[in-house]
Amino acid sequence: MRLSHFFAYLSRMRLIQRWGLMRNTQMENIQEHSLQVAMIAHGLAVIRNIWFNGALNPERVLSLAVYHEVGEVITGDLPTPIKYFNPEIKKAYNEIEELAKQKLIHMLPEECQTQYNEYFFHTEADQENWRVVKAADKLSAYLKCMEELRSGNEEFFKAKNKIEVELRDMQLPEVRFFLDHFAPSFALTLDELN
């Protein structure tokens, strides 16, 4: 078997900073972000199954979320205002991300590629799972905004309001449940949590 650089590349996720155009009181990298998204996505699947008669596989959702940003280890994190500036840029960036993920897949031994392919690329069977991962990704950004605002960083005020509207527009009851029952804690200090 040949030498594989796959996991060495993934370990560099910790070097890719998010929120590059905004002043941050606490920096966040895509590895930290991916873990938070995975935990939230898993929680959303559990919430849907328990309170909203869902039939999601929380472990599958968790696995998809762990790898949802892997392409950025090659592309970097393109700031949202640029990524969504117009449809042509968004389309081109999506194509670049797909190529980056394919490059990573090809770093794996051939015997592993099919299995990881299922985590990196959207399939029709996983459409609802990816929808939950996308919601968790948005929730993670929303929570980041809350934490920055709590630290006195008004730079995140507009972003928080915009993301809040986007979360509502998703019309996922598990997202509303999370916002009502879990998100408010992120505005508390450690003493208040205790």
N, C-alpha and C. Protein backbone atom coordinates (compact mmCIF):
# COMPACT_ATOMS: atom_id res chain seq x y z
N MET A 1 0.85 -1.18 0.00
CA MET A 1 0.00 0.00 0.00
C MET A 1 0.90 1.25 0.00
N ARG A 2 0.50 2.24 -0.78
CA ARG A 2 1.28 3.47 -0.89
C ARG A 2 1.04 4.38 0.32
N LEU A 3 1.94 5.33 0.51
CA LEU A 3 1.82 6.33 1.57
C LEU A 3 0.61 7.21 1.28
N SER A 4 -0.20 7.49 2.31
CA SER A 4 -1.39 8.32 2.15
C SER A 4 -1.26 9.60 2.98
N HIS A 5 -1.53 10.73 2.35
CA HIS A 5 -1.46 12.03 3.02
C HIS A 5 -2.82 12.48 3.56
N PHE A 6 -3.84 11.63 3.45
CA PHE A 6 -5.21 11.99 3.78
C PHE A 6 -5.35 12.58 5.19
N PHE A 7 -4.95 11.83 6.19
CA PHE A 7 -5.15 12.29 7.57
C PHE A 7 -4.22 13.45 7.92
N ALA A 8 -3.06 13.52 7.30
CA ALA A 8 -2.17 14.66 7.51
C ALA A 8 -2.83 15.94 6.99
N TYR A 9 -3.50 15.83 5.84
CA TYR A 9 -4.23 16.98 5.31
C TYR A 9 -5.37 17.37 6.25
N LEU A 10 -6.14 16.38 6.70
CA LEU A 10 -7.28 16.69 7.57
C LEU A 10 -6.81 17.35 8.87
N SER A 11 -5.63 16.97 9.35
CA SER A 11 -5.14 17.58 10.60
C SER A 11 -4.87 19.07 10.41
N ARG A 12 -4.71 19.50 9.19
CA ARG A 12 -4.46 20.92 8.91
C ARG A 12 -5.74 21.76 8.96
N MET A 13 -6.87 21.11 9.18
CA MET A 13 -8.12 21.87 9.34
C MET A 13 -7.99 22.87 10.48
N ARG A 14 -7.19 22.53 11.48
CA ARG A 14 -7.02 23.43 12.63
C ARG A 14 -6.30 24.73 12.25
N LEU A 15 -5.69 24.76 11.07
CA LEU A 15 -4.96 25.95 10.63
C LEU A 15 -5.82 26.91 9.80
N ILE A 16 -7.01 26.47 9.41
CA ILE A 16 -7.89 27.29 8.57
C ILE A 16 -8.85 28.07 9.48
N GLN A 17 -8.66 29.37 9.54
CA GLN A 17 -9.48 30.22 10.40
C GLN A 17 -10.78 30.61 9.71
N ARG A 18 -11.83 30.68 10.51
CA ARG A 18 -13.14 31.13 10.02
C ARG A 18 -13.30 32.63 10.31
N TRP A 19 -14.32 33.22 9.72
CA TRP A 19 -14.69 34.61 9.96
C TRP A 19 -13.53 35.55 9.63
N GLY A 20 -12.89 35.31 8.49
CA GLY A 20 -11.68 36.03 8.12
C GLY A 20 -11.85 37.53 7.92
N LEU A 21 -13.02 37.99 7.58
CA LEU A 21 -13.21 39.42 7.33
C LEU A 21 -13.70 40.18 8.57
N MET A 22 -13.90 39.45 9.67
CA MET A 22 -14.47 40.09 10.86
C MET A 22 -13.48 40.03 12.02
N ARG A 23 -13.53 41.08 12.85
CA ARG A 23 -12.72 41.09 14.06
C ARG A 23 -13.33 40.09 15.04
N ASN A 24 -12.51 39.21 15.58
CA ASN A 24 -12.97 38.17 16.49
C ASN A 24 -12.35 38.37 17.86
N THR A 25 -13.14 38.17 18.91
CA THR A 25 -12.54 38.15 20.24
C THR A 25 -11.97 36.76 20.53
N GLN A 26 -12.51 35.76 19.87
CA GLN A 26 -12.03 34.38 20.01
C GLN A 26 -11.97 33.77 18.60
N MET A 27 -10.77 33.44 18.15
CA MET A 27 -10.62 32.85 16.82
C MET A 27 -11.25 31.46 16.80
N GLU A 28 -11.70 31.05 15.63
CA GLU A 28 -12.31 29.73 15.45
C GLU A 28 -11.75 29.13 14.17
N ASN A 29 -11.31 27.87 14.24
CA ASN A 29 -10.83 27.20 13.04
C ASN A 29 -11.85 26.18 12.57
N ILE A 30 -11.66 25.66 11.37
CA ILE A 30 -12.68 24.76 10.80
C ILE A 30 -12.69 23.39 11.48
N GLN A 31 -11.62 23.02 12.17
CA GLN A 31 -11.65 21.75 12.90
C GLN A 31 -12.55 21.89 14.13
N GLU A 32 -12.39 22.99 14.88
CA GLU A 32 -13.26 23.25 16.03
C GLU A 32 -14.71 23.37 15.57
N HIS A 33 -14.89 24.12 14.51
CA HIS A 33 -16.23 24.34 13.97
C HIS A 33 -16.88 23.01 13.58
N SER A 34 -16.12 22.14 12.92
CA SER A 34 -16.68 20.86 12.48
C SER A 34 -17.13 20.00 13.65
N LEU A 35 -16.37 20.03 14.74
CA LEU A 35 -16.78 19.26 15.92
C LEU A 35 -18.07 19.83 16.49
N GLN A 36 -18.16 21.15 16.60
CA GLN A 36 -19.39 21.73 17.13
C GLN A 36 -20.58 21.42 16.23
N VAL A 37 -20.39 21.53 14.91
CA VAL A 37 -21.48 21.23 13.98
C VAL A 37 -21.90 19.77 14.12
N ALA A 38 -20.93 18.87 14.28
CA ALA A 38 -21.24 17.45 14.43
C ALA A 38 -22.08 17.21 15.68
N MET A 39 -21.70 17.84 16.79
CA MET A 39 -22.46 17.66 18.03
C MET A 39 -23.87 18.23 17.91
N ILE A 40 -23.98 19.41 17.30
CA ILE A 40 -25.30 20.03 17.13
C ILE A 40 -26.15 19.21 16.16
N ALA A 41 -25.58 18.78 15.04
CA ALA A 41 -26.33 17.99 14.05
C ALA A 41 -26.84 16.70 14.69
N HIS A 42 -26.00 16.03 15.44
CA HIS A 42 -26.42 14.82 16.15
C HIS A 42 -27.59 15.14 17.07
N GLY A 43 -27.45 16.26 17.81
CA GLY A 43 -28.53 16.67 18.71
C GLY A 43 -29.81 16.99 17.97
N LEU A 44 -29.72 17.65 16.83
CA LEU A 44 -30.92 17.96 16.04
C LEU A 44 -31.62 16.69 15.58
N ALA A 45 -30.84 15.69 15.16
CA ALA A 45 -31.44 14.42 14.74
C ALA A 45 -32.14 13.74 15.90
N VAL A 46 -31.52 13.76 17.06
CA VAL A 46 -32.13 13.16 18.26
C VAL A 46 -33.41 13.92 18.62
N ILE A 47 -33.35 15.25 18.60
CA ILE A 47 -34.53 16.07 18.90
C ILE A 47 -35.66 15.75 17.93
N ARG A 48 -35.34 15.68 16.64
CA ARG A 48 -36.40 15.38 15.66
C ARG A 48 -37.03 14.02 15.94
N ASN A 49 -36.19 13.04 16.22
CA ASN A 49 -36.70 11.68 16.45
C ASN A 49 -37.56 11.60 17.71
N ILE A 50 -37.17 12.28 18.77
CA ILE A 50 -37.90 12.20 20.04
C ILE A 50 -39.16 13.05 20.04
N TRP A 51 -39.05 14.31 19.63
CA TRP A 51 -40.17 15.23 19.78
C TRP A 51 -40.97 15.47 18.50
N PHE A 52 -40.44 15.10 17.34
CA PHE A 52 -41.13 15.44 16.10
C PHE A 52 -41.30 14.23 15.18
N ASN A 53 -41.39 13.04 15.77
CA ASN A 53 -41.67 11.80 15.03
C ASN A 53 -40.73 11.57 13.85
N GLY A 54 -39.48 11.91 14.02
CA GLY A 54 -38.50 11.72 12.96
C GLY A 54 -38.00 10.29 12.90
N ALA A 55 -37.29 10.00 11.84
CA ALA A 55 -36.70 8.67 11.66
C ALA A 55 -35.27 8.81 11.14
N LEU A 56 -34.57 9.83 11.62
CA LEU A 56 -33.19 10.03 11.19
C LEU A 56 -32.24 9.09 11.93
N ASN A 57 -31.11 8.82 11.33
CA ASN A 57 -30.05 8.06 11.99
C ASN A 57 -29.06 9.09 12.54
N PRO A 58 -29.10 9.38 13.85
CA PRO A 58 -28.23 10.42 14.41
C PRO A 58 -26.74 10.18 14.16
N GLU A 59 -26.33 8.91 14.14
CA GLU A 59 -24.91 8.62 13.90
C GLU A 59 -24.52 8.93 12.46
N ARG A 60 -25.41 8.72 11.53
CA ARG A 60 -25.14 9.06 10.13
C ARG A 60 -25.02 10.58 9.98
N VAL A 61 -25.94 11.31 10.60
CA VAL A 61 -25.91 12.77 10.56
C VAL A 61 -24.60 13.27 11.18
N LEU A 62 -24.22 12.70 12.30
CA LEU A 62 -22.97 13.06 12.97
C LEU A 62 -21.78 12.86 12.05
N SER A 63 -21.73 11.71 11.38
CA SER A 63 -20.61 11.40 10.47
C SER A 63 -20.53 12.38 9.31
N LEU A 64 -21.66 12.71 8.72
CA LEU A 64 -21.68 13.67 7.62
C LEU A 64 -21.19 15.03 8.09
N ALA A 65 -21.59 15.43 9.30
CA ALA A 65 -21.21 16.73 9.83
C ALA A 65 -19.72 16.82 10.12
N VAL A 66 -19.13 15.74 10.59
CA VAL A 66 -17.69 15.74 10.89
C VAL A 66 -16.89 16.17 9.66
N TYR A 67 -17.33 15.72 8.48
CA TYR A 67 -16.58 15.95 7.25
C TYR A 67 -17.14 17.09 6.39
N HIS A 68 -18.09 17.86 6.91
CA HIS A 68 -18.79 18.82 6.05
C HIS A 68 -17.90 19.96 5.54
N GLU A 69 -16.76 20.22 6.19
CA GLU A 69 -15.87 21.32 5.76
C GLU A 69 -14.53 20.82 5.21
N VAL A 70 -14.38 19.53 4.96
CA VAL A 70 -13.06 19.00 4.60
C VAL A 70 -12.45 19.66 3.37
N GLY A 71 -13.24 20.03 2.41
CA GLY A 71 -12.70 20.65 1.20
C GLY A 71 -11.95 21.94 1.50
N GLU A 72 -12.31 22.61 2.59
CA GLU A 72 -11.68 23.89 2.92
C GLU A 72 -10.23 23.72 3.35
N VAL A 73 -9.79 22.51 3.65
CA VAL A 73 -8.39 22.31 3.98
C VAL A 73 -7.52 22.58 2.74
N ILE A 74 -8.13 22.50 1.57
CA ILE A 74 -7.44 22.80 0.31
C ILE A 74 -7.82 24.20 -0.19
N THR A 75 -9.11 24.55 -0.10
CA THR A 75 -9.58 25.82 -0.66
C THR A 75 -9.44 26.99 0.29
N GLY A 76 -9.36 26.72 1.59
CA GLY A 76 -9.46 27.77 2.58
C GLY A 76 -10.92 28.10 2.81
N ASP A 77 -11.19 28.94 3.78
CA ASP A 77 -12.57 29.34 4.09
C ASP A 77 -12.86 30.65 3.38
N LEU A 78 -13.63 30.58 2.32
CA LEU A 78 -14.00 31.79 1.59
C LEU A 78 -15.06 32.54 2.40
N PRO A 79 -14.82 33.81 2.73
CA PRO A 79 -15.80 34.56 3.53
C PRO A 79 -17.17 34.60 2.85
N THR A 80 -18.20 34.52 3.67
CA THR A 80 -19.58 34.47 3.19
C THR A 80 -19.93 35.60 2.23
N PRO A 81 -19.56 36.87 2.51
CA PRO A 81 -19.94 37.93 1.56
C PRO A 81 -19.38 37.70 0.16
N ILE A 82 -18.24 37.04 0.08
CA ILE A 82 -17.65 36.75 -1.23
C ILE A 82 -18.31 35.52 -1.84
N LYS A 83 -18.45 34.48 -1.03
CA LYS A 83 -19.01 33.21 -1.51
C LYS A 83 -20.41 33.38 -2.10
N TYR A 84 -21.20 34.25 -1.50
CA TYR A 84 -22.58 34.44 -1.94
C TYR A 84 -22.80 35.77 -2.66
N PHE A 85 -21.71 36.39 -3.15
CA PHE A 85 -21.81 37.69 -3.80
C PHE A 85 -22.73 37.63 -5.01
N ASN A 86 -22.59 36.58 -5.82
CA ASN A 86 -23.50 36.39 -6.95
C ASN A 86 -23.54 34.90 -7.30
N PRO A 87 -24.53 34.48 -8.08
CA PRO A 87 -24.69 33.06 -8.38
C PRO A 87 -23.49 32.43 -9.10
N GLU A 88 -22.80 33.21 -9.92
CA GLU A 88 -21.66 32.67 -10.66
C GLU A 88 -20.50 32.32 -9.70
N ILE A 89 -20.24 33.21 -8.74
CA ILE A 89 -19.18 32.95 -7.77
C ILE A 89 -19.56 31.74 -6.92
N LYS A 90 -20.79 31.68 -6.48
CA LYS A 90 -21.25 30.54 -5.65
C LYS A 90 -21.10 29.23 -6.41
N LYS A 91 -21.51 29.22 -7.66
CA LYS A 91 -21.41 28.01 -8.49
C LYS A 91 -19.95 27.61 -8.68
N ALA A 92 -19.11 28.58 -9.00
CA ALA A 92 -17.69 28.29 -9.21
C ALA A 92 -17.03 27.77 -7.93
N TYR A 93 -17.37 28.38 -6.79
CA TYR A 93 -16.79 27.93 -5.53
C TYR A 93 -17.25 26.51 -5.18
N ASN A 94 -18.53 26.23 -5.44
CA ASN A 94 -19.03 24.86 -5.21
C ASN A 94 -18.25 23.84 -6.05
N GLU A 95 -17.97 24.20 -7.29
CA GLU A 95 -17.20 23.30 -8.16
C GLU A 95 -15.78 23.11 -7.63
N ILE A 96 -15.18 24.19 -7.15
CA ILE A 96 -13.83 24.10 -6.58
C ILE A 96 -13.84 23.22 -5.33
N GLU A 97 -14.85 23.39 -4.48
CA GLU A 97 -14.97 22.55 -3.28
C GLU A 97 -15.11 21.08 -3.64
N GLU A 98 -15.90 20.79 -4.67
CA GLU A 98 -16.07 19.40 -5.11
C GLU A 98 -14.74 18.82 -5.58
N LEU A 99 -13.98 19.60 -6.33
CA LEU A 99 -12.66 19.14 -6.80
C LEU A 99 -11.71 18.92 -5.63
N ALA A 100 -11.77 19.79 -4.63
CA ALA A 100 -10.91 19.65 -3.45
C ALA A 100 -11.25 18.36 -2.70
N LYS A 101 -12.55 18.08 -2.56
CA LYS A 101 -12.95 16.84 -1.88
C LYS A 101 -12.52 15.62 -2.68
N GLN A 102 -12.62 15.69 -4.01
CA GLN A 102 -12.16 14.58 -4.84
C GLN A 102 -10.66 14.36 -4.68
N LYS A 103 -9.91 15.46 -4.59
CA LYS A 103 -8.47 15.34 -4.38
C LYS A 103 -8.18 14.61 -3.07
N LEU A 104 -8.89 14.98 -2.02
CA LEU A 104 -8.71 14.31 -0.73
C LEU A 104 -9.07 12.83 -0.81
N ILE A 105 -10.18 12.52 -1.45
CA ILE A 105 -10.60 11.12 -1.60
C ILE A 105 -9.50 10.32 -2.29
N HIS A 106 -8.89 10.89 -3.32
CA HIS A 106 -7.86 10.17 -4.07
C HIS A 106 -6.55 10.01 -3.29
N MET A 107 -6.44 10.68 -2.16
CA MET A 107 -5.28 10.48 -1.28
C MET A 107 -5.41 9.19 -0.47
N LEU A 108 -6.62 8.70 -0.38
CA LEU A 108 -6.87 7.48 0.39
C LEU A 108 -6.47 6.23 -0.39
N PRO A 109 -6.16 5.14 0.31
CA PRO A 109 -6.01 3.86 -0.39
C PRO A 109 -7.31 3.57 -1.15
N GLU A 110 -7.19 2.98 -2.29
CA GLU A 110 -8.34 2.71 -3.14
C GLU A 110 -9.46 1.97 -2.40
N GLU A 111 -9.07 1.08 -1.51
CA GLU A 111 -10.05 0.28 -0.77
C GLU A 111 -10.93 1.12 0.15
N CYS A 112 -10.48 2.30 0.53
CA CYS A 112 -11.23 3.18 1.44
C CYS A 112 -12.05 4.25 0.73
N GLN A 113 -11.75 4.50 -0.52
CA GLN A 113 -12.33 5.64 -1.21
C GLN A 113 -13.85 5.62 -1.26
N THR A 114 -14.43 4.50 -1.55
CA THR A 114 -15.89 4.42 -1.66
C THR A 114 -16.57 4.78 -0.35
N GLN A 115 -16.03 4.28 0.75
CA GLN A 115 -16.63 4.55 2.05
C GLN A 115 -16.57 6.05 2.40
N TYR A 116 -15.42 6.68 2.19
CA TYR A 116 -15.31 8.10 2.51
C TYR A 116 -16.09 8.96 1.52
N ASN A 117 -16.21 8.48 0.30
CA ASN A 117 -17.01 9.18 -0.70
C ASN A 117 -18.42 9.43 -0.17
N GLU A 118 -18.95 8.48 0.59
CA GLU A 118 -20.30 8.59 1.14
C GLU A 118 -20.42 9.69 2.20
N TYR A 119 -19.29 10.11 2.78
CA TYR A 119 -19.31 11.18 3.77
C TYR A 119 -19.06 12.55 3.15
N PHE A 120 -18.37 12.56 2.02
CA PHE A 120 -17.95 13.82 1.42
C PHE A 120 -18.96 14.41 0.45
N PHE A 121 -19.72 13.55 -0.23
CA PHE A 121 -20.57 14.02 -1.32
C PHE A 121 -22.04 13.75 -1.04
N HIS A 122 -22.88 14.68 -1.42
CA HIS A 122 -24.32 14.56 -1.19
C HIS A 122 -24.91 13.49 -2.10
N THR A 123 -25.77 12.68 -1.51
CA THR A 123 -26.52 11.70 -2.29
C THR A 123 -28.01 11.95 -2.06
N GLU A 124 -28.82 11.44 -2.95
CA GLU A 124 -30.27 11.58 -2.81
C GLU A 124 -30.76 10.96 -1.51
N ALA A 125 -30.18 9.82 -1.15
CA ALA A 125 -30.60 9.11 0.07
C ALA A 125 -30.30 9.93 1.33
N ASP A 126 -29.29 10.78 1.27
CA ASP A 126 -28.90 11.57 2.45
C ASP A 126 -29.41 13.00 2.42
N GLN A 127 -30.35 13.29 1.53
CA GLN A 127 -30.81 14.67 1.38
C GLN A 127 -31.30 15.27 2.70
N GLU A 128 -32.11 14.55 3.45
CA GLU A 128 -32.63 15.08 4.72
C GLU A 128 -31.53 15.15 5.78
N ASN A 129 -30.62 14.21 5.76
CA ASN A 129 -29.48 14.26 6.69
C ASN A 129 -28.64 15.50 6.45
N TRP A 130 -28.36 15.80 5.17
CA TRP A 130 -27.58 16.99 4.84
C TRP A 130 -28.32 18.26 5.21
N ARG A 131 -29.64 18.24 5.12
CA ARG A 131 -30.44 19.40 5.52
C ARG A 131 -30.24 19.69 7.01
N VAL A 132 -30.17 18.64 7.80
CA VAL A 132 -29.93 18.80 9.24
C VAL A 132 -28.50 19.29 9.49
N VAL A 133 -27.53 18.77 8.73
CA VAL A 133 -26.15 19.24 8.86
C VAL A 133 -26.06 20.72 8.51
N LYS A 134 -26.74 21.14 7.46
CA LYS A 134 -26.75 22.55 7.06
C LYS A 134 -27.36 23.41 8.17
N ALA A 135 -28.42 22.92 8.78
CA ALA A 135 -29.03 23.65 9.90
C ALA A 135 -28.06 23.75 11.07
N ALA A 136 -27.36 22.68 11.35
CA ALA A 136 -26.37 22.69 12.44
C ALA A 136 -25.24 23.66 12.13
N ASP A 137 -24.84 23.72 10.87
CA ASP A 137 -23.80 24.66 10.44
C ASP A 137 -24.25 26.10 10.70
N LYS A 138 -25.49 26.40 10.36
CA LYS A 138 -26.05 27.73 10.59
C LYS A 138 -26.16 28.01 12.09
N LEU A 139 -26.59 27.01 12.85
CA LEU A 139 -26.70 27.19 14.30
C LEU A 139 -25.33 27.47 14.92
N SER A 140 -24.31 26.79 14.45
CA SER A 140 -22.96 27.02 14.94
C SER A 140 -22.54 28.46 14.69
N ALA A 141 -22.84 28.97 13.50
CA ALA A 141 -22.52 30.37 13.17
C ALA A 141 -23.31 31.32 14.07
N TYR A 142 -24.58 30.99 14.29
CA TYR A 142 -25.43 31.81 15.16
C TYR A 142 -24.87 31.86 16.58
N LEU A 143 -24.43 30.71 17.09
CA LEU A 143 -23.88 30.64 18.44
C LEU A 143 -22.57 31.41 18.53
N LYS A 144 -21.77 31.36 17.48
CA LYS A 144 -20.54 32.15 17.42
C LYS A 144 -20.87 33.64 17.53
N CYS A 145 -21.89 34.07 16.81
CA CYS A 145 -22.32 35.46 16.88
C CYS A 145 -22.75 35.83 18.30
N MET A 146 -23.52 34.96 18.93
CA MET A 146 -23.96 35.23 20.31
C MET A 146 -22.77 35.38 21.25
N GLU A 147 -21.80 34.50 21.10
CA GLU A 147 -20.62 34.55 21.98
C GLU A 147 -19.81 35.83 21.74
N GLU A 148 -19.66 36.21 20.49
CA GLU A 148 -18.93 37.44 20.18
C GLU A 148 -19.67 38.66 20.74
N LEU A 149 -20.98 38.69 20.58
CA LEU A 149 -21.76 39.81 21.11
C LEU A 149 -21.67 39.85 22.64
N ARG A 150 -21.71 38.69 23.28
CA ARG A 150 -21.57 38.64 24.74
C ARG A 150 -20.22 39.21 25.18
N SER A 151 -19.21 39.06 24.33
CA SER A 151 -17.88 39.59 24.64
C SER A 151 -17.75 41.07 24.27
N GLY A 152 -18.85 41.67 23.84
CA GLY A 152 -18.85 43.09 23.52
C GLY A 152 -18.45 43.42 22.09
N ASN A 153 -18.37 42.42 21.24
CA ASN A 153 -17.97 42.64 19.85
C ASN A 153 -19.21 42.86 18.99
N GLU A 154 -19.54 44.12 18.74
CA GLU A 154 -20.73 44.46 17.96
C GLU A 154 -20.59 44.12 16.48
N GLU A 155 -19.41 43.75 16.06
CA GLU A 155 -19.14 43.38 14.66
C GLU A 155 -20.08 42.25 14.19
N PHE A 156 -20.56 41.44 15.12
CA PHE A 156 -21.37 40.26 14.79
C PHE A 156 -22.87 40.51 14.89
N PHE A 157 -23.28 41.75 15.16
CA PHE A 157 -24.69 42.06 15.37
C PHE A 157 -25.54 41.76 14.12
N LYS A 158 -25.13 42.30 12.98
CA LYS A 158 -25.90 42.08 11.74
C LYS A 158 -25.87 40.61 11.32
N ALA A 159 -24.73 39.98 11.48
CA ALA A 159 -24.61 38.57 11.10
C ALA A 159 -25.58 37.72 11.94
N LYS A 160 -25.66 37.99 13.23
CA LYS A 160 -26.57 37.24 14.11
C LYS A 160 -28.02 37.38 13.63
N ASN A 161 -28.42 38.61 13.35
CA ASN A 161 -29.81 38.84 12.90
C ASN A 161 -30.10 38.17 11.57
N LYS A 162 -29.15 38.23 10.65
CA LYS A 162 -29.32 37.60 9.33
C LYS A 162 -29.43 36.09 9.48
N ILE A 163 -28.57 35.51 10.28
CA ILE A 163 -28.57 34.05 10.46
C ILE A 163 -29.84 33.60 11.18
N GLU A 164 -30.32 34.41 12.12
CA GLU A 164 -31.55 34.07 12.83
C GLU A 164 -32.73 33.96 11.85
N VAL A 165 -32.80 34.88 10.90
CA VAL A 165 -33.86 34.83 9.87
C VAL A 165 -33.68 33.57 9.01
N GLU A 166 -32.45 33.27 8.62
CA GLU A 166 -32.19 32.07 7.80
C GLU A 166 -32.59 30.79 8.55
N LEU A 167 -32.32 30.74 9.84
CA LEU A 167 -32.70 29.57 10.63
C LEU A 167 -34.22 29.43 10.69
N ARG A 168 -34.93 30.53 10.88
CA ARG A 168 -36.39 30.48 10.90
C ARG A 168 -36.94 30.02 9.55
N ASP A 169 -36.32 30.52 8.48
CA ASP A 169 -36.78 30.17 7.14
C ASP A 169 -36.59 28.69 6.80
N MET A 170 -35.71 28.01 7.52
CA MET A 170 -35.51 26.57 7.27
C MET A 170 -36.73 25.75 7.65
N GLN A 171 -37.56 26.28 8.52
CA GLN A 171 -38.80 25.63 8.95
C GLN A 171 -38.57 24.19 9.42
N LEU A 172 -37.54 24.03 10.26
CA LEU A 172 -37.27 22.73 10.87
C LEU A 172 -37.63 22.83 12.35
N PRO A 173 -38.60 22.04 12.82
CA PRO A 173 -39.01 22.17 14.22
C PRO A 173 -37.88 21.89 15.21
N GLU A 174 -36.94 21.03 14.83
CA GLU A 174 -35.83 20.73 15.73
C GLU A 174 -34.91 21.95 15.90
N VAL A 175 -34.83 22.80 14.87
CA VAL A 175 -34.02 24.01 14.97
C VAL A 175 -34.70 24.99 15.94
N ARG A 176 -36.00 25.16 15.81
CA ARG A 176 -36.74 26.04 16.73
C ARG A 176 -36.59 25.52 18.17
N PHE A 177 -36.69 24.21 18.34
CA PHE A 177 -36.53 23.59 19.67
C PHE A 177 -35.15 23.90 20.23
N PHE A 178 -34.11 23.76 19.41
CA PHE A 178 -32.74 24.05 19.84
C PHE A 178 -32.60 25.51 20.23
N LEU A 179 -33.14 26.39 19.40
CA LEU A 179 -33.06 27.83 19.68
C LEU A 179 -33.77 28.19 20.99
N ASP A 180 -34.88 27.53 21.27
CA ASP A 180 -35.64 27.81 22.49
C ASP A 180 -35.02 27.20 23.74
N HIS A 181 -34.47 26.00 23.62
CA HIS A 181 -34.06 25.24 24.81
C HIS A 181 -32.56 25.13 25.04
N PHE A 182 -31.74 25.37 24.04
CA PHE A 182 -30.30 25.22 24.19
C PHE A 182 -29.51 26.50 23.92
N ALA A 183 -29.91 27.24 22.89
CA ALA A 183 -29.14 28.43 22.48
C ALA A 183 -29.04 29.50 23.57
N PRO A 184 -30.09 29.77 24.37
CA PRO A 184 -29.96 30.84 25.37
C PRO A 184 -28.80 30.64 26.35
N SER A 185 -28.41 29.42 26.59
CA SER A 185 -27.30 29.16 27.51
C SER A 185 -25.99 29.73 27.02
N PHE A 186 -25.85 29.90 25.70
CA PHE A 186 -24.61 30.42 25.14
C PHE A 186 -24.41 31.91 25.47
N ALA A 187 -25.44 32.58 25.95
CA ALA A 187 -25.32 33.98 26.34
C ALA A 187 -24.97 34.13 27.81
N LEU A 188 -24.81 33.03 28.52
CA LEU A 188 -24.54 33.05 29.96
C LEU A 188 -23.05 32.94 30.26
N THR A 189 -22.66 33.46 31.40
CA THR A 189 -21.29 33.27 31.87
C THR A 189 -21.17 31.90 32.52
N LEU A 190 -19.96 31.47 32.80
CA LEU A 190 -19.74 30.18 33.48
C LEU A 190 -20.43 30.16 34.83
N ASP A 191 -20.34 31.27 35.59
CA ASP A 191 -21.02 31.34 36.90
C ASP A 191 -22.53 31.16 36.74
N GLU A 192 -23.09 31.77 35.69
CA GLU A 192 -24.53 31.64 35.46
C GLU A 192 -24.91 30.23 35.05
N LEU A 193 -24.02 29.55 34.30
CA LEU A 193 -24.28 28.17 33.92
C LEU A 193 -24.26 27.24 35.13
N ASN A 194 -23.43 27.58 36.09
CA ASN A 194 -23.32 26.77 37.32
C ASN A 194 -24.42 27.10 38.30
